[in-house]
């Protein structure tokens, strides 16, 4: 994968912090990198909640990373512990924490 990080097997689940206003589109279309190089995922709920809180009322999504990797997605992990993947289809997402 790009950015110079080698592919790694992810933990069974990862988390993504977002805000309420983006939730309907995410649940319909999945997670996409937007203007970033990859979708950013956290290893724990607390970190994902902090990320979401930066832009409003936080929502935390659980990513079934094991199933996504088994389906062929490539995960990498940055030096600061952020997990990266090209995209997350909606079927691999579940809301675990709102607010």
PDB file of N, CA and C in Angstrom:
ATOM      1  N   UNK A   1       0.849  -1.182   0.000  1.00  0.00           N
ATOM      2  CA  UNK A   1       0.000   0.000   0.000  1.00  0.00           C
ATOM      3  C   UNK A   1       0.891   1.240   0.000  1.00  0.00           C
ATOM      4  N   UNK A   2       0.371   2.314  -0.439  1.00  0.00           N
ATOM      5  CA  UNK A   2       1.142   3.563  -0.519  1.00  0.00           C
ATOM      6  C   UNK A   2       1.552   4.076   0.863  1.00  0.00           C
ATOM      7  N   UNK A   3       2.211   5.180   0.910  1.00  0.00           N
ATOM      8  CA  UNK A   3       2.691   5.852   2.118  1.00  0.00           C
ATOM      9  C   UNK A   3       3.880   5.150   2.766  1.00  0.00           C
ATOM     10  N   UNK A   4       4.393   4.108   2.151  1.00  0.00           N
ATOM     11  CA  UNK A   4       5.587   3.475   2.676  1.00  0.00           C
ATOM     12  C   UNK A   4       5.371   2.519   3.836  1.00  0.00           C
ATOM     13  N   UNK A   5       4.126   2.181   4.154  1.00  0.00           N
ATOM     14  CA  UNK A   5       3.846   1.243   5.238  1.00  0.00           C
ATOM     15  C   UNK A   5       3.538  -0.120   4.636  1.00  0.00           C
ATOM     16  N   UNK A   6       4.107  -1.165   5.212  1.00  0.00           N
ATOM     17  CA  UNK A   6       3.845  -2.502   4.718  1.00  0.00           C
ATOM     18  C   UNK A   6       2.492  -3.017   5.178  1.00  0.00           C
ATOM     19  N   UNK A   7       1.922  -3.935   4.406  1.00  0.00           N
ATOM     20  CA  UNK A   7       0.637  -4.532   4.759  1.00  0.00           C
ATOM     21  C   UNK A   7       0.755  -5.275   6.084  1.00  0.00           C
ATOM     22  N   UNK A   8      -0.297  -5.162   6.887  1.00  0.00           N
ATOM     23  CA  UNK A   8      -0.328  -5.839   8.190  1.00  0.00           C
ATOM     24  C   UNK A   8      -1.702  -6.448   8.400  1.00  0.00           C
ATOM     25  N   UNK A   9      -1.724  -7.537   9.151  1.00  0.00           N
ATOM     26  CA  UNK A   9      -3.009  -8.132   9.523  1.00  0.00           C
ATOM     27  C   UNK A   9      -3.613  -7.284  10.636  1.00  0.00           C
ATOM     28  N   UNK A  10      -4.846  -6.809  10.443  1.00  0.00           N
ATOM     29  CA  UNK A  10      -5.453  -5.955  11.465  1.00  0.00           C
ATOM     30  C   UNK A  10      -6.020  -6.773  12.617  1.00  0.00           C
ATOM     31  N   UNK A  11      -6.319  -6.103  13.733  1.00  0.00           N
ATOM     32  CA  UNK A  11      -7.082  -6.778  14.785  1.00  0.00           C
ATOM     33  C   UNK A  11      -8.475  -7.112  14.246  1.00  0.00           C
ATOM     34  N   UNK A  12      -9.209  -7.928  14.958  1.00  0.00           N
ATOM     35  CA  UNK A  12     -10.532  -8.356  14.499  1.00  0.00           C
ATOM     36  C   UNK A  12     -11.471  -7.185  14.257  1.00  0.00           C
ATOM     37  N   UNK A  13     -11.366  -6.162  15.088  1.00  0.00           N
ATOM     38  CA  UNK A  13     -12.216  -4.989  14.891  1.00  0.00           C
ATOM     39  C   UNK A  13     -11.411  -3.722  15.108  1.00  0.00           C
ATOM     40  N   UNK A  14     -11.791  -2.711  14.355  1.00  0.00           N
ATOM     41  CA  UNK A  14     -11.203  -1.383  14.480  1.00  0.00           C
ATOM     42  C   UNK A  14     -12.355  -0.393  14.587  1.00  0.00           C
ATOM     43  N   UNK A  15     -12.047   0.871  14.820  1.00  0.00           N
ATOM     44  CA  UNK A  15     -13.086   1.863  15.071  1.00  0.00           C
ATOM     45  C   UNK A  15     -12.825   3.133  14.278  1.00  0.00           C
ATOM     46  N   UNK A  16     -13.918   3.806  13.937  1.00  0.00           N
ATOM     47  CA  UNK A  16     -13.822   5.060  13.196  1.00  0.00           C
ATOM     48  C   UNK A  16     -14.683   6.100  13.892  1.00  0.00           C
ATOM     49  N   UNK A  17     -14.098   7.241  14.168  1.00  0.00           N
ATOM     50  CA  UNK A  17     -14.836   8.337  14.772  1.00  0.00           C
ATOM     51  C   UNK A  17     -15.313   9.311  13.718  1.00  0.00           C
ATOM     52  N   UNK A  18     -16.578   9.670  13.795  1.00  0.00           N
ATOM     53  CA  UNK A  18     -17.161  10.630  12.868  1.00  0.00           C
ATOM     54  C   UNK A  18     -18.152  11.484  13.641  1.00  0.00           C
ATOM     55  N   UNK A  19     -18.981  12.227  12.940  1.00  0.00           N
ATOM     56  CA  UNK A  19     -20.001  13.048  13.587  1.00  0.00           C
ATOM     57  C   UNK A  19     -21.374  12.683  13.033  1.00  0.00           C
ATOM     58  N   UNK A  20     -22.411  13.007  13.804  1.00  0.00           N
ATOM     59  CA  UNK A  20     -23.777  12.603  13.465  1.00  0.00           C
ATOM     60  C   UNK A  20     -24.201  13.006  12.061  1.00  0.00           C
ATOM     61  N   UNK A  21     -23.813  14.190  11.624  1.00  0.00           N
ATOM     62  CA  UNK A  21     -24.305  14.672  10.326  1.00  0.00           C
ATOM     63  C   UNK A  21     -23.812  13.827   9.150  1.00  0.00           C
ATOM     64  N   UNK A  22     -22.713  13.088   9.325  1.00  0.00           N
ATOM     65  CA  UNK A  22     -22.192  12.245   8.248  1.00  0.00           C
ATOM     66  C   UNK A  22     -22.713  10.809   8.306  1.00  0.00           C
ATOM     67  N   UNK A  23     -23.369  10.443   9.396  1.00  0.00           N
ATOM     68  CA  UNK A  23     -23.747   9.048   9.618  1.00  0.00           C
ATOM     69  C   UNK A  23     -24.659   8.474   8.531  1.00  0.00           C
ATOM     70  N   UNK A  24     -25.726   9.153   8.110  1.00  0.00           N
ATOM     71  CA  UNK A  24     -26.581   8.552   7.072  1.00  0.00           C
ATOM     72  C   UNK A  24     -25.820   8.205   5.787  1.00  0.00           C
ATOM     73  N   UNK A  25     -24.967   9.095   5.326  1.00  0.00           N
ATOM     74  CA  UNK A  25     -24.198   8.829   4.102  1.00  0.00           C
ATOM     75  C   UNK A  25     -23.215   7.683   4.310  1.00  0.00           C
ATOM     76  N   UNK A  26     -22.581   7.634   5.472  1.00  0.00           N
ATOM     77  CA  UNK A  26     -21.620   6.559   5.751  1.00  0.00           C
ATOM     78  C   UNK A  26     -22.318   5.207   5.779  1.00  0.00           C
ATOM     79  N   UNK A  27     -23.477   5.132   6.421  1.00  0.00           N
ATOM     80  CA  UNK A  27     -24.188   3.857   6.506  1.00  0.00           C
ATOM     81  C   UNK A  27     -24.706   3.404   5.144  1.00  0.00           C
ATOM     82  N   UNK A  28     -24.912   4.344   4.235  1.00  0.00           N
ATOM     83  CA  UNK A  28     -25.367   4.004   2.888  1.00  0.00           C
ATOM     84  C   UNK A  28     -24.201   3.701   1.944  1.00  0.00           C
ATOM     85  N   UNK A  29     -23.131   4.496   2.030  1.00  0.00           N
ATOM     86  CA  UNK A  29     -22.043   4.415   1.057  1.00  0.00           C
ATOM     87  C   UNK A  29     -20.751   3.814   1.609  1.00  0.00           C
ATOM     88  N   UNK A  30     -20.635   3.681   2.926  1.00  0.00           N
ATOM     89  CA  UNK A  30     -19.406   3.202   3.535  1.00  0.00           C
ATOM     90  C   UNK A  30     -18.438   4.344   3.789  1.00  0.00           C
ATOM     91  N   UNK A  31     -17.240   3.992   4.219  1.00  0.00           N
ATOM     92  CA  UNK A  31     -16.193   4.980   4.496  1.00  0.00           C
ATOM     93  C   UNK A  31     -15.253   5.071   3.306  1.00  0.00           C
ATOM     94  N   UNK A  32     -14.972   6.303   2.896  1.00  0.00           N
ATOM     95  CA  UNK A  32     -14.052   6.580   1.796  1.00  0.00           C
ATOM     96  C   UNK A  32     -13.053   7.621   2.269  1.00  0.00           C
ATOM     97  N   UNK A  33     -11.864   7.653   1.686  1.00  0.00           N
ATOM     98  CA  UNK A  33     -10.827   8.561   2.193  1.00  0.00           C
ATOM     99  C   UNK A  33     -11.084  10.042   1.963  1.00  0.00           C
ATOM    100  N   UNK A  34     -11.979  10.398   1.073  1.00  0.00           N
ATOM    101  CA  UNK A  34     -12.199  11.818   0.811  1.00  0.00           C
ATOM    102  C   UNK A  34     -10.922  12.450   0.295  1.00  0.00           C
ATOM    103  N   UNK A  35     -10.440  13.477   0.967  1.00  0.00           N
ATOM    104  CA  UNK A  35      -9.218  14.153   0.518  1.00  0.00           C
ATOM    105  C   UNK A  35      -7.954  13.577   1.163  1.00  0.00           C
ATOM    106  N   UNK A  36      -8.076  12.461   1.858  1.00  0.00           N
ATOM    107  CA  UNK A  36      -6.913  11.786   2.444  1.00  0.00           C
ATOM    108  C   UNK A  36      -6.467  10.663   1.517  1.00  0.00           C
ATOM    109  N   UNK A  37      -5.357  10.036   1.866  1.00  0.00           N
ATOM    110  CA  UNK A  37      -4.854   8.916   1.069  1.00  0.00           C
ATOM    111  C   UNK A  37      -5.559   7.610   1.409  1.00  0.00           C
ATOM    112  N   UNK A  38      -6.130   7.520   2.612  1.00  0.00           N
ATOM    113  CA  UNK A  38      -6.760   6.285   3.066  1.00  0.00           C
ATOM    114  C   UNK A  38      -7.754   6.617   4.174  1.00  0.00           C
ATOM    115  N   UNK A  39      -8.628   5.672   4.466  1.00  0.00           N
ATOM    116  CA  UNK A  39      -9.536   5.790   5.609  1.00  0.00           C
ATOM    117  C   UNK A  39      -8.718   5.553   6.872  1.00  0.00           C
ATOM    118  N   UNK A  40      -8.896   6.402   7.871  1.00  0.00           N
ATOM    119  CA  UNK A  40      -8.164   6.297   9.137  1.00  0.00           C
ATOM    120  C   UNK A  40      -9.029   5.578  10.164  1.00  0.00           C
ATOM    121  N   UNK A  41      -8.463   4.574  10.824  1.00  0.00           N
ATOM    122  CA  UNK A  41      -9.167   3.781  11.825  1.00  0.00           C
ATOM    123  C   UNK A  41      -8.350   3.721  13.108  1.00  0.00           C
ATOM    124  N   UNK A  42      -9.051   3.594  14.224  1.00  0.00           N
ATOM    125  CA  UNK A  42      -8.417   3.537  15.545  1.00  0.00           C
ATOM    126  C   UNK A  42      -8.539   2.135  16.117  1.00  0.00           C
ATOM    127  N   UNK A  43      -7.623   1.796  17.005  1.00  0.00           N
ATOM    128  CA  UNK A  43      -7.640   0.483  17.644  1.00  0.00           C
ATOM    129  C   UNK A  43      -8.599   0.418  18.827  1.00  0.00           C
ATOM    130  N   UNK A  44      -9.099   1.576  19.295  1.00  0.00           N
ATOM    131  CA  UNK A  44      -9.989   1.567  20.459  1.00  0.00           C
ATOM    132  C   UNK A  44     -11.075   2.637  20.331  1.00  0.00           C
ATOM    133  N   UNK A  45     -12.161   2.416  21.065  1.00  0.00           N
ATOM    134  CA  UNK A  45     -13.323   3.308  21.030  1.00  0.00           C
ATOM    135  C   UNK A  45     -12.969   4.704  21.531  1.00  0.00           C
ATOM    136  N   UNK A  46     -12.192   4.797  22.598  1.00  0.00           N
ATOM    137  CA  UNK A  46     -11.875   6.107  23.185  1.00  0.00           C
ATOM    138  C   UNK A  46     -11.164   7.014  22.188  1.00  0.00           C
ATOM    139  N   UNK A  47     -10.214   6.470  21.452  1.00  0.00           N
ATOM    140  CA  UNK A  47      -9.503   7.277  20.455  1.00  0.00           C
ATOM    141  C   UNK A  47     -10.447   7.690  19.336  1.00  0.00           C
ATOM    142  N   UNK A  48     -11.271   6.765  18.862  1.00  0.00           N
ATOM    143  CA  UNK A  48     -12.230   7.092  17.806  1.00  0.00           C
ATOM    144  C   UNK A  48     -13.198   8.180  18.269  1.00  0.00           C
ATOM    145  N   UNK A  49     -13.637   8.110  19.514  1.00  0.00           N
ATOM    146  CA  UNK A  49     -14.542   9.129  20.053  1.00  0.00           C
ATOM    147  C   UNK A  49     -13.859  10.502  20.066  1.00  0.00           C
ATOM    148  N   UNK A  50     -12.600  10.541  20.475  1.00  0.00           N
ATOM    149  CA  UNK A  50     -11.849  11.815  20.474  1.00  0.00           C
ATOM    150  C   UNK A  50     -11.745  12.390  19.067  1.00  0.00           C
ATOM    151  N   UNK A  51     -11.493  11.541  18.097  1.00  0.00           N
ATOM    152  CA  UNK A  51     -11.395  11.987  16.706  1.00  0.00           C
ATOM    153  C   UNK A  51     -12.727  12.579  16.252  1.00  0.00           C
ATOM    154  N   UNK A  52     -13.822  11.894  16.532  1.00  0.00           N
ATOM    155  CA  UNK A  52     -15.136  12.395  16.142  1.00  0.00           C
ATOM    156  C   UNK A  52     -15.494  13.694  16.827  1.00  0.00           C
ATOM    157  N   UNK A  53     -15.088  13.838  18.066  1.00  0.00           N
ATOM    158  CA  UNK A  53     -15.426  15.018  18.863  1.00  0.00           C
ATOM    159  C   UNK A  53     -14.787  16.296  18.302  1.00  0.00           C
ATOM    160  N   UNK A  54     -13.744  16.162  17.514  1.00  0.00           N
ATOM    161  CA  UNK A  54     -13.077  17.343  16.943  1.00  0.00           C
ATOM    162  C   UNK A  54     -14.009  18.170  16.068  1.00  0.00           C
ATOM    163  N   UNK A  55     -15.013  17.512  15.482  1.00  0.00           N
ATOM    164  CA  UNK A  55     -15.860  18.196  14.503  1.00  0.00           C
ATOM    165  C   UNK A  55     -17.330  18.258  14.891  1.00  0.00           C
ATOM    166  N   UNK A  56     -17.680  17.877  16.109  1.00  0.00           N
ATOM    167  CA  UNK A  56     -19.079  17.942  16.520  1.00  0.00           C
ATOM    168  C   UNK A  56     -19.441  16.800  17.446  1.00  0.00           C
ATOM    169  N   UNK A  57     -20.727  16.451  17.457  1.00  0.00           N
ATOM    170  CA  UNK A  57     -21.237  15.362  18.288  1.00  0.00           C
ATOM    171  C   UNK A  57     -20.689  14.036  17.760  1.00  0.00           C
ATOM    172  N   UNK A  58     -19.862  13.325  18.543  1.00  0.00           N
ATOM    173  CA  UNK A  58     -19.186  12.139  18.009  1.00  0.00           C
ATOM    174  C   UNK A  58     -20.080  10.910  17.885  1.00  0.00           C
ATOM    175  N   UNK A  59     -19.775  10.119  16.880  1.00  0.00           N
ATOM    176  CA  UNK A  59     -20.367   8.805  16.664  1.00  0.00           C
ATOM    177  C   UNK A  59     -19.202   7.859  16.393  1.00  0.00           C
ATOM    178  N   UNK A  60     -19.219   6.694  17.028  1.00  0.00           N
ATOM    179  CA  UNK A  60     -18.158   5.709  16.808  1.00  0.00           C
ATOM    180  C   UNK A  60     -18.737   4.520  16.049  1.00  0.00           C
ATOM    181  N   UNK A  61     -18.043   4.145  14.996  1.00  0.00           N
ATOM    182  CA  UNK A  61     -18.418   2.996  14.188  1.00  0.00           C
ATOM    183  C   UNK A  61     -17.423   1.866  14.415  1.00  0.00           C
ATOM    184  N   UNK A  62     -17.937   0.658  14.547  1.00  0.00           N
ATOM    185  CA  UNK A  62     -17.076  -0.528  14.630  1.00  0.00           C
ATOM    186  C   UNK A  62     -16.897  -1.068  13.214  1.00  0.00           C
ATOM    187  N   UNK A  63     -15.665  -1.362  12.858  1.00  0.00           N
ATOM    188  CA  UNK A  63     -15.330  -1.932  11.558  1.00  0.00           C
ATOM    189  C   UNK A  63     -14.962  -3.399  11.767  1.00  0.00           C
ATOM    190  N   UNK A  64     -15.621  -4.286  11.050  1.00  0.00           N
ATOM    191  CA  UNK A  64     -15.280  -5.710  11.101  1.00  0.00           C
ATOM    192  C   UNK A  64     -14.031  -5.908  10.241  1.00  0.00           C
ATOM    193  N   UNK A  65     -12.899  -5.564  10.819  1.00  0.00           N
ATOM    194  CA  UNK A  65     -11.635  -5.564  10.083  1.00  0.00           C
ATOM    195  C   UNK A  65     -11.220  -6.966   9.651  1.00  0.00           C
ATOM    196  N   UNK A  66     -11.495  -7.963  10.476  1.00  0.00           N
ATOM    197  CA  UNK A  66     -11.124  -9.334  10.117  1.00  0.00           C
ATOM    198  C   UNK A  66     -11.858  -9.775   8.854  1.00  0.00           C
ATOM    199  N   UNK A  67     -13.150  -9.511   8.793  1.00  0.00           N
ATOM    200  CA  UNK A  67     -13.930  -9.895   7.612  1.00  0.00           C
ATOM    201  C   UNK A  67     -13.518  -9.084   6.388  1.00  0.00           C
ATOM    202  N   UNK A  68     -13.240  -7.804   6.592  1.00  0.00           N
ATOM    203  CA  UNK A  68     -12.817  -6.951   5.480  1.00  0.00           C
ATOM    204  C   UNK A  68     -11.467  -7.419   4.926  1.00  0.00           C
ATOM    205  N   UNK A  69     -10.549  -7.778   5.807  1.00  0.00           N
ATOM    206  CA  UNK A  69      -9.250  -8.299   5.366  1.00  0.00           C
ATOM    207  C   UNK A  69      -9.425  -9.636   4.644  1.00  0.00           C
ATOM    208  N   UNK A  70     -10.308 -10.488   5.165  1.00  0.00           N
ATOM    209  CA  UNK A  70     -10.564 -11.778   4.523  1.00  0.00           C
ATOM    210  C   UNK A  70     -11.159 -11.599   3.127  1.00  0.00           C
ATOM    211  N   UNK A  71     -11.868 -10.477   2.927  1.00  0.00           N
ATOM    212  CA  UNK A  71     -12.456 -10.176   1.621  1.00  0.00           C
ATOM    213  C   UNK A  71     -11.440  -9.552   0.664  1.00  0.00           C
ATOM    214  N   UNK A  72     -10.212  -9.336   1.141  1.00  0.00           N
ATOM    215  CA  UNK A  72      -9.162  -8.853   0.253  1.00  0.00           C
ATOM    216  C   UNK A  72      -8.650  -7.451   0.505  1.00  0.00           C
ATOM    217  N   UNK A  73      -9.199  -6.744   1.479  1.00  0.00           N
ATOM    218  CA  UNK A  73      -8.719  -5.390   1.777  1.00  0.00           C
ATOM    219  C   UNK A  73      -7.323  -5.448   2.386  1.00  0.00           C
ATOM    220  N   UNK A  74      -6.500  -4.475   2.045  1.00  0.00           N
ATOM    221  CA  UNK A  74      -5.146  -4.383   2.584  1.00  0.00           C
ATOM    222  C   UNK A  74      -5.105  -3.310   3.658  1.00  0.00           C
ATOM    223  N   UNK A  75      -4.659  -3.682   4.835  1.00  0.00           N
ATOM    224  CA  UNK A  75      -4.516  -2.754   5.954  1.00  0.00           C
ATOM    225  C   UNK A  75      -3.043  -2.452   6.175  1.00  0.00           C
ATOM    226  N   UNK A  76      -2.771  -1.235   6.585  1.00  0.00           N
ATOM    227  CA  UNK A  76      -1.434  -0.847   7.027  1.00  0.00           C
ATOM    228  C   UNK A  76      -1.599  -0.083   8.332  1.00  0.00           C
ATOM    229  N   UNK A  77      -0.502   0.091   9.039  1.00  0.00           N
ATOM    230  CA  UNK A  77      -0.550   0.870  10.283  1.00  0.00           C
ATOM    231  C   UNK A  77       0.571   1.900  10.260  1.00  0.00           C
ATOM    232  N   UNK A  78       0.203   3.141  10.506  1.00  0.00           N
ATOM    233  CA  UNK A  78       1.185   4.224  10.496  1.00  0.00           C
ATOM    234  C   UNK A  78       2.040   4.176  11.757  1.00  0.00           C
ATOM    235  N   UNK A  79       3.097   4.958  11.754  1.00  0.00           N
ATOM    236  CA  UNK A  79       4.006   4.998  12.902  1.00  0.00           C
ATOM    237  C   UNK A  79       3.316   5.449  14.184  1.00  0.00           C
ATOM    238  N   UNK A  80       2.250   6.251  14.062  1.00  0.00           N
ATOM    239  CA  UNK A  80       1.546   6.727  15.258  1.00  0.00           C
ATOM    240  C   UNK A  80       0.369   5.827  15.640  1.00  0.00           C
ATOM    241  N   UNK A  81       0.283   4.636  15.042  1.00  0.00           N
ATOM    242  CA  UNK A  81      -0.718   3.656  15.445  1.00  0.00           C
ATOM    243  C   UNK A  81      -2.051   3.739  14.733  1.00  0.00           C
ATOM    244  N   UNK A  82      -2.204   4.648  13.783  1.00  0.00           N
ATOM    245  CA  UNK A  82      -3.450   4.760  13.026  1.00  0.00           C
ATOM    246  C   UNK A  82      -3.474   3.664  11.962  1.00  0.00           C
ATOM    247  N   UNK A  83      -4.582   2.937  11.911  1.00  0.00           N
ATOM    248  CA  UNK A  83      -4.753   1.909  10.892  1.00  0.00           C
ATOM    249  C   UNK A  83      -5.308   2.560   9.637  1.00  0.00           C
ATOM    250  N   UNK A  84      -4.856   2.106   8.478  1.00  0.00           N
ATOM    251  CA  UNK A  84      -5.232   2.688   7.196  1.00  0.00           C
ATOM    252  C   UNK A  84      -5.754   1.602   6.264  1.00  0.00           C
ATOM    253  N   UNK A  85      -6.807   1.950   5.517  1.00  0.00           N
ATOM    254  CA  UNK A  85      -7.367   1.042   4.517  1.00  0.00           C
ATOM    255  C   UNK A  85      -7.974   1.916   3.416  1.00  0.00           C
ATOM    256  N   UNK A  86      -8.055   1.383   2.205  1.00  0.00           N
ATOM    257  CA  UNK A  86      -8.555   2.184   1.084  1.00  0.00           C
ATOM    258  C   UNK A  86     -10.004   2.625   1.265  1.00  0.00           C
ATOM    259  N   UNK A  87     -10.863   1.734   1.724  1.00  0.00           N
ATOM    260  CA  UNK A  87     -12.285   2.037   1.905  1.00  0.00           C
ATOM    261  C   UNK A  87     -12.901   0.958   2.790  1.00  0.00           C
ATOM    262  N   UNK A  88     -14.064   1.279   3.350  1.00  0.00           N
ATOM    263  CA  UNK A  88     -14.812   0.305   4.150  1.00  0.00           C
ATOM    264  C   UNK A  88     -16.253   0.304   3.646  1.00  0.00           C
ATOM    265  N   UNK A  89     -16.691  -0.755   2.951  1.00  0.00           N
ATOM    266  CA  UNK A  89     -18.077  -0.835   2.504  1.00  0.00           C
ATOM    267  C   UNK A  89     -19.037  -0.852   3.701  1.00  0.00           C
ATOM    268  N   UNK A  90     -20.281  -0.405   3.499  1.00  0.00           N
ATOM    269  CA  UNK A  90     -21.213  -0.287   4.625  1.00  0.00           C
ATOM    270  C   UNK A  90     -21.512  -1.589   5.353  1.00  0.00           C
ATOM    271  N   UNK A  91     -21.417  -2.715   4.686  1.00  0.00           N
ATOM    272  CA  UNK A  91     -21.697  -3.995   5.325  1.00  0.00           C
ATOM    273  C   UNK A  91     -20.714  -4.386   6.418  1.00  0.00           C
ATOM    274  N   UNK A  92     -19.597  -3.698   6.506  1.00  0.00           N
ATOM    275  CA  UNK A  92     -18.582  -3.988   7.519  1.00  0.00           C
ATOM    276  C   UNK A  92     -18.639  -3.004   8.687  1.00  0.00           C
ATOM    277  N   UNK A  93     -19.671  -2.171   8.725  1.00  0.00           N
ATOM    278  CA  UNK A  93     -19.785  -1.115   9.737  1.00  0.00           C
ATOM    279  C   UNK A  93     -20.964  -1.343  10.661  1.00  0.00           C
ATOM    280  N   UNK A  94     -20.790  -0.939  11.921  1.00  0.00           N
ATOM    281  CA  UNK A  94     -21.882  -0.960  12.895  1.00  0.00           C
ATOM    282  C   UNK A  94     -21.686   0.199  13.863  1.00  0.00           C
ATOM    283  N   UNK A  95     -22.748   0.930  14.146  1.00  0.00           N
ATOM    284  CA  UNK A  95     -22.674   2.023  15.121  1.00  0.00           C
ATOM    285  C   UNK A  95     -22.570   1.408  16.507  1.00  0.00           C
ATOM    286  N   UNK A  96     -21.560   1.825  17.277  1.00  0.00           N
ATOM    287  CA  UNK A  96     -21.400   1.300  18.632  1.00  0.00           C
ATOM    288  C   UNK A  96     -21.540   2.369  19.697  1.00  0.00           C
ATOM    289  N   UNK A  97     -21.428   3.626  19.312  1.00  0.00           N
ATOM    290  CA  UNK A  97     -21.464   4.686  20.326  1.00  0.00           C
ATOM    291  C   UNK A  97     -21.875   5.994  19.675  1.00  0.00           C
ATOM    292  N   UNK A  98     -22.973   6.559  20.152  1.00  0.00           N
ATOM    293  CA  UNK A  98     -23.402   7.879  19.692  1.00  0.00           C
ATOM    294  C   UNK A  98     -23.354   8.813  20.879  1.00  0.00           C
ATOM    295  N   UNK A  99     -22.558   9.858  20.748  1.00  0.00           N
ATOM    296  CA  UNK A  99     -22.474  10.862  21.808  1.00  0.00           C
ATOM    297  C   UNK A  99     -21.463  10.518  22.819  1.00  0.00           C
TER     298      UNK A  99
END
